[in-house]
Structure formats: C-alpha cells, structure tokens
Amino acid sequence: MFRPPSVDAAQRAEQVGTIDLVYEATGVTSVSFAVLQHLGINGIYVFTGIPGHQGPRPTDTAALICSMVLRNRIVLGTVNAHRPAF
C-alpha cells in the first residue's frame, strides 16, 4: 500500500536545491505532478511508473505548459522492456 512521503515536494526541493533530474517510478499521479512543479530550469523528468485507474484529476494545464516551455523542461516516458521488445 502506498504511504505518502514524510516530506512533501516543496519541502524536499527546499532541502536539496535545484532538481535537475527526476526518475519517477511510483505511478502515483499526485506525487509525480507535485514533484514536476519543482523541476529546475532545463530539468528532465522521466516517467516510468504506470498509474492504476484513479479517475480524472484536476490539473492546471495552461500553467503546466507555460512552466515546461519557459523553463525549458523535458518530460518523457519510457518502459523497462527486455531485448525482444526492441
């Protein structure tokens, strides 16, 4: 069962400074998007976790797009597949 982190994304960003790279593997959308908001300029965010069906979640898509473009951020998804999959 998922347990929320003891420190939220804003607190973690404050502790570690600029976040340049995130390799997400939880599949927990609330955590993933909270951390994405704190990705630094020129940062890279890699989604690998697959969320279960959780229903729609409210997201300010205009703010997300502006943040991605103006801060030159990269978001990508990848799958861990074995050799025959390629």
Protein backbone atom coordinates (compact mmCIF):
# COMPACT_ATOMS: atom_id res chain seq x y z
CA MET A 1 0.00 0.00 0.00
CA PHE A 2 1.24 3.49 -0.86
CA ARG A 3 2.30 5.67 2.04
CA PRO A 4 2.70 9.39 1.31
CA PRO A 5 6.23 10.75 1.76
CA SER A 6 7.02 12.27 5.13
CA VAL A 7 8.26 15.40 3.36
CA ASP A 8 6.22 16.99 0.59
CA ALA A 9 7.66 18.03 -2.77
CA ALA A 10 8.12 21.70 -1.85
CA GLN A 11 9.98 20.82 1.35
CA ARG A 12 12.20 18.33 -0.48
CA ALA A 13 13.06 20.90 -3.16
CA GLU A 14 13.98 23.34 -0.41
CA GLN A 15 16.25 20.75 1.21
CA VAL A 16 18.10 19.61 -1.92
CA GLY A 17 18.08 22.78 -4.01
CA THR A 18 17.57 22.74 -7.77
CA ILE A 19 16.12 19.48 -9.02
CA ASP A 20 17.73 18.70 -12.38
CA LEU A 21 16.59 15.12 -12.97
CA VAL A 22 13.67 13.07 -11.69
CA TYR A 23 13.30 9.37 -12.47
CA GLU A 24 9.74 8.64 -11.40
CA ALA A 25 8.81 5.01 -10.79
CA THR A 26 5.88 5.22 -8.37
CA GLY A 27 2.94 5.60 -10.73
CA VAL A 28 1.29 7.79 -8.08
CA THR A 29 -0.01 10.77 -10.04
CA SER A 30 -0.44 13.11 -7.08
CA VAL A 31 3.21 12.65 -6.06
CA SER A 32 4.51 12.72 -9.64
CA PHE A 33 2.86 16.02 -10.56
CA ALA A 34 3.73 17.61 -7.21
CA VAL A 35 7.42 16.90 -7.86
CA LEU A 36 7.15 18.01 -11.51
CA GLN A 37 6.23 21.51 -10.29
CA HIS A 38 9.64 21.79 -8.62
CA LEU A 39 11.78 20.63 -11.53
CA GLY A 40 14.53 23.16 -12.22
CA ILE A 41 15.25 25.13 -15.36
CA ASN A 42 16.50 22.77 -18.10
CA GLY A 43 15.36 19.85 -15.91
CA ILE A 44 14.44 16.41 -17.16
CA TYR A 45 11.56 14.33 -15.79
CA VAL A 46 11.33 10.65 -16.73
CA PHE A 47 8.04 8.84 -16.12
CA THR A 48 8.35 5.05 -15.77
CA GLY A 49 5.57 4.26 -13.28
CA ILE A 50 2.17 3.21 -14.58
CA PRO A 51 -0.74 4.58 -12.54
CA GLY A 52 -3.76 2.47 -11.82
CA HIS A 53 -7.12 3.83 -12.88
CA GLN A 54 -7.76 6.69 -10.47
CA GLY A 55 -10.25 8.72 -12.42
CA PRO A 56 -9.73 12.28 -13.63
CA ARG A 57 -7.59 14.66 -11.60
CA PRO A 58 -7.72 18.44 -11.85
CA THR A 59 -4.58 19.90 -13.43
CA ASP A 60 -3.89 23.46 -14.49
CA THR A 61 -2.72 22.52 -17.96
CA ALA A 62 -2.03 26.11 -19.06
CA ALA A 63 0.32 26.65 -16.11
CA LEU A 64 1.96 23.28 -16.77
CA ILE A 65 2.60 24.09 -20.43
CA CYS A 66 3.93 27.58 -19.63
CA SER A 67 6.22 26.13 -16.98
CA MET A 68 7.52 23.47 -19.37
CA VAL A 69 8.19 25.91 -22.22
CA LEU A 70 9.51 28.90 -20.27
CA ARG A 71 11.78 26.77 -18.07
CA ASN A 72 12.96 24.61 -20.98
CA ARG A 73 11.94 21.38 -19.26
CA ILE A 74 11.80 17.92 -20.79
CA VAL A 75 9.24 15.27 -19.81
CA LEU A 76 9.41 11.80 -21.27
CA GLY A 77 8.07 8.37 -20.62
CA THR A 78 9.91 5.11 -21.02
CA VAL A 79 9.28 1.46 -20.42
CA ASN A 80 11.66 -1.09 -18.99
CA ALA A 81 11.45 -3.79 -21.63
CA HIS A 82 13.61 -6.78 -22.36
CA ARG A 83 15.65 -7.18 -25.53
CA PRO A 84 12.99 -8.87 -27.76
CA ALA A 85 10.65 -5.89 -27.24
CA PHE A 86 13.03 -3.75 -29.29
